[in-house]
Amino acid sequence: MAQGRARAALRAGRPPLRSPGWPPVNRRLEQQRFWRKIAEGLTSEDAAVASGVSAVLGTWWFRQGGGMPPISLDPPSGRYLSFAEREEVAVLHAQERGVRAITRCLGRRRR
């Protein structure tokens, strides 16, 4: 069935659509990268591919935002833990490390 759709897409003169699949681990950074590419003048499909997501998802983001970025394009403030830091906390917690030891390992000591 999927081969039939791909053939029909080629006959229609357009590439077959890719499924967006599962979202990337850090969707916010992907979206920020996408909207920066849009600001540079790329089409939504080209901006999506350049930012590492499918063209379908890029088109969806563009339509949902009405052509304007719905999120801030400023870099993250560092106030919240990233996904990698959360994983590191989980590993250190499983090793029965204390809160202070975990913060030292992450470099997130209170000042």
C-alpha atoms as a PDB file:
ATOM      1  CA  MET A   1       0.000   0.000   0.000  1.00  0.00           C
ATOM      2  CA  ALA A   2       2.799   2.437   0.851  1.00  0.00           C
ATOM      3  CA  GLN A   3       4.476   1.707  -2.480  1.00  0.00           C
ATOM      4  CA  GLY A   4       1.271   2.625  -4.286  1.00  0.00           C
ATOM      5  CA  ARG A   5       1.127   5.988  -2.547  1.00  0.00           C
ATOM      6  CA  ALA A   6       4.766   6.671  -3.373  1.00  0.00           C
ATOM      7  CA  ARG A   7       4.144   5.843  -7.037  1.00  0.00           C
ATOM      8  CA  ALA A   8       1.065   8.060  -7.102  1.00  0.00           C
ATOM      9  CA  ALA A   9       3.058  10.909  -5.574  1.00  0.00           C
ATOM     10  CA  LEU A  10       5.772  10.543  -8.204  1.00  0.00           C
ATOM     11  CA  ARG A  11       3.147  10.535 -10.982  1.00  0.00           C
ATOM     12  CA  ALA A  12       1.691  13.727  -9.500  1.00  0.00           C
ATOM     13  CA  GLY A  13       5.115  15.360  -9.748  1.00  0.00           C
ATOM     14  CA  ARG A  14       5.840  15.710  -6.044  1.00  0.00           C
ATOM     15  CA  PRO A  15       8.031  13.707  -3.675  1.00  0.00           C
ATOM     16  CA  PRO A  16       6.284  11.222  -1.387  1.00  0.00           C
ATOM     17  CA  LEU A  17       5.339  12.665   2.015  1.00  0.00           C
ATOM     18  CA  ARG A  18       7.338  11.501   4.994  1.00  0.00           C
ATOM     19  CA  SER A  19       5.719  10.861   8.323  1.00  0.00           C
ATOM     20  CA  PRO A  20       6.883  13.161  11.115  1.00  0.00           C
ATOM     21  CA  GLY A  21       7.132  10.093  13.371  1.00  0.00           C
ATOM     22  CA  TRP A  22       8.017  10.522  16.995  1.00  0.00           C
ATOM     23  CA  PRO A  23       9.046  14.021  17.975  1.00  0.00           C
ATOM     24  CA  PRO A  24      12.723  14.709  18.524  1.00  0.00           C
ATOM     25  CA  VAL A  25      14.031  14.664  22.070  1.00  0.00           C
ATOM     26  CA  ASN A  26      14.282  18.420  22.331  1.00  0.00           C
ATOM     27  CA  ARG A  27      11.433  19.785  20.263  1.00  0.00           C
ATOM     28  CA  ARG A  28      11.908  23.377  21.456  1.00  0.00           C
ATOM     29  CA  LEU A  29      15.436  23.626  20.044  1.00  0.00           C
ATOM     30  CA  GLU A  30      14.254  22.015  16.800  1.00  0.00           C
ATOM     31  CA  GLN A  31      11.463  24.580  16.509  1.00  0.00           C
ATOM     32  CA  GLN A  32      13.790  27.477  17.254  1.00  0.00           C
ATOM     33  CA  ARG A  33      16.189  26.249  14.588  1.00  0.00           C
ATOM     34  CA  PHE A  34      13.258  25.893  12.150  1.00  0.00           C
ATOM     35  CA  TRP A  35      11.967  29.436  12.749  1.00  0.00           C
ATOM     36  CA  ARG A  36      15.464  30.906  12.386  1.00  0.00           C
ATOM     37  CA  LYS A  37      15.734  29.217   8.984  1.00  0.00           C
ATOM     38  CA  ILE A  38      12.331  30.656   8.052  1.00  0.00           C
ATOM     39  CA  ALA A  39      13.624  34.107   9.046  1.00  0.00           C
ATOM     40  CA  GLU A  40      16.604  33.556   6.721  1.00  0.00           C
ATOM     41  CA  GLY A  41      14.139  33.167   3.851  1.00  0.00           C
ATOM     42  CA  LEU A  42      13.894  29.390   3.409  1.00  0.00           C
ATOM     43  CA  THR A  43      10.597  27.711   2.589  1.00  0.00           C
ATOM     44  CA  SER A  44       8.927  25.729   5.353  1.00  0.00           C
ATOM     45  CA  GLU A  45       9.958  22.427   3.756  1.00  0.00           C
ATOM     46  CA  ASP A  46      13.594  23.487   3.301  1.00  0.00           C
ATOM     47  CA  ALA A  47      13.741  24.996   6.792  1.00  0.00           C
ATOM     48  CA  ALA A  48      12.376  21.765   8.270  1.00  0.00           C
ATOM     49  CA  VAL A  49      14.954  19.597   6.524  1.00  0.00           C
ATOM     50  CA  ALA A  50      17.745  22.024   7.491  1.00  0.00           C
ATOM     51  CA  SER A  51      16.639  21.898  11.138  1.00  0.00           C
ATOM     52  CA  GLY A  52      16.502  18.103  11.227  1.00  0.00           C
ATOM     53  CA  VAL A  53      12.742  17.432  11.121  1.00  0.00           C
ATOM     54  CA  SER A  54      10.490  16.204   8.327  1.00  0.00           C
ATOM     55  CA  ALA A  55       9.109  18.583   5.742  1.00  0.00           C
ATOM     56  CA  VAL A  56       5.578  17.619   6.795  1.00  0.00           C
ATOM     57  CA  LEU A  57       6.226  18.657  10.393  1.00  0.00           C
ATOM     58  CA  GLY A  58       7.789  21.922   9.229  1.00  0.00           C
ATOM     59  CA  THR A  59       4.742  22.701   7.128  1.00  0.00           C
ATOM     60  CA  TRP A  60       2.502  21.898  10.090  1.00  0.00           C
ATOM     61  CA  TRP A  61       4.518  24.175  12.417  1.00  0.00           C
ATOM     62  CA  PHE A  62       4.344  26.965   9.827  1.00  0.00           C
ATOM     63  CA  ARG A  63       0.577  26.635   9.432  1.00  0.00           C
ATOM     64  CA  GLN A  64      -0.024  26.353  13.190  1.00  0.00           C
ATOM     65  CA  GLY A  65       1.989  29.514  13.795  1.00  0.00           C
ATOM     66  CA  GLY A  66       0.327  31.411  10.964  1.00  0.00           C
ATOM     67  CA  GLY A  67       3.750  32.135   9.501  1.00  0.00           C
ATOM     68  CA  MET A  68       5.029  33.624  12.767  1.00  0.00           C
ATOM     69  CA  PRO A  69       7.060  31.832  15.451  1.00  0.00           C
ATOM     70  CA  PRO A  70       4.811  30.943  18.421  1.00  0.00           C
ATOM     71  CA  ILE A  71       7.858  30.503  20.680  1.00  0.00           C
ATOM     72  CA  SER A  72      10.695  32.748  21.720  1.00  0.00           C
ATOM     73  CA  LEU A  73      13.819  32.391  19.596  1.00  0.00           C
ATOM     74  CA  ASP A  74      16.075  33.427  22.477  1.00  0.00           C
ATOM     75  CA  PRO A  75      18.445  30.712  23.701  1.00  0.00           C
ATOM     76  CA  PRO A  76      17.321  28.833  26.826  1.00  0.00           C
ATOM     77  CA  SER A  77      18.130  30.663  30.053  1.00  0.00           C
ATOM     78  CA  GLY A  78      19.639  27.636  31.770  1.00  0.00           C
ATOM     79  CA  ARG A  79      17.147  27.832  34.599  1.00  0.00           C
ATOM     80  CA  TYR A  80      15.627  24.457  33.794  1.00  0.00           C
ATOM     81  CA  LEU A  81      17.403  21.143  33.379  1.00  0.00           C
ATOM     82  CA  SER A  82      17.911  19.838  29.864  1.00  0.00           C
ATOM     83  CA  PHE A  83      16.894  16.324  28.894  1.00  0.00           C
ATOM     84  CA  ALA A  84      20.516  15.128  29.142  1.00  0.00           C
ATOM     85  CA  GLU A  85      20.860  16.660  32.608  1.00  0.00           C
ATOM     86  CA  ARG A  86      17.665  14.940  33.726  1.00  0.00           C
ATOM     87  CA  GLU A  87      19.047  11.610  32.554  1.00  0.00           C
ATOM     88  CA  GLU A  88      22.276  12.304  34.428  1.00  0.00           C
ATOM     89  CA  VAL A  89      20.295  13.080  37.598  1.00  0.00           C
ATOM     90  CA  ALA A  90      18.413   9.788  37.233  1.00  0.00           C
ATOM     91  CA  VAL A  91      21.650   7.813  36.850  1.00  0.00           C
ATOM     92  CA  LEU A  92      23.303   9.529  39.818  1.00  0.00           C
ATOM     93  CA  HIS A  93      20.161   9.081  41.918  1.00  0.00           C
ATOM     94  CA  ALA A  94      20.149   5.356  41.048  1.00  0.00           C
ATOM     95  CA  GLN A  95      23.755   5.237  42.279  1.00  0.00           C
ATOM     96  CA  GLU A  96      22.410   6.620  45.582  1.00  0.00           C
ATOM     97  CA  ARG A  97      24.325   9.870  45.364  1.00  0.00           C
ATOM     98  CA  GLY A  98      23.111  12.766  47.475  1.00  0.00           C
ATOM     99  CA  VAL A  99      21.565  15.959  46.197  1.00  0.00           C
ATOM    100  CA  ARG A 100      24.705  18.002  46.784  1.00  0.00           C
ATOM    101  CA  ALA A 101      26.896  15.439  45.020  1.00  0.00           C
ATOM    102  CA  ILE A 102      24.517  15.442  42.043  1.00  0.00           C
ATOM    103  CA  THR A 103      24.569  19.235  41.792  1.00  0.00           C
ATOM    104  CA  ARG A 104      28.366  19.229  41.909  1.00  0.00           C
ATOM    105  CA  CYS A 105      28.491  16.641  39.093  1.00  0.00           C
ATOM    106  CA  LEU A 106      26.139  18.727  36.958  1.00  0.00           C
ATOM    107  CA  GLY A 107      27.911  21.968  37.727  1.00  0.00           C
ATOM    108  CA  ARG A 108      24.639  23.408  39.029  1.00  0.00           C
ATOM    109  CA  ARG A 109      25.730  24.366  42.541  1.00  0.00           C
ATOM    110  CA  ARG A 110      23.769  27.108  44.183  1.00  0.00           C
ATOM    111  CA  ARG A 111      25.662  30.371  44.300  1.00  0.00           C
END
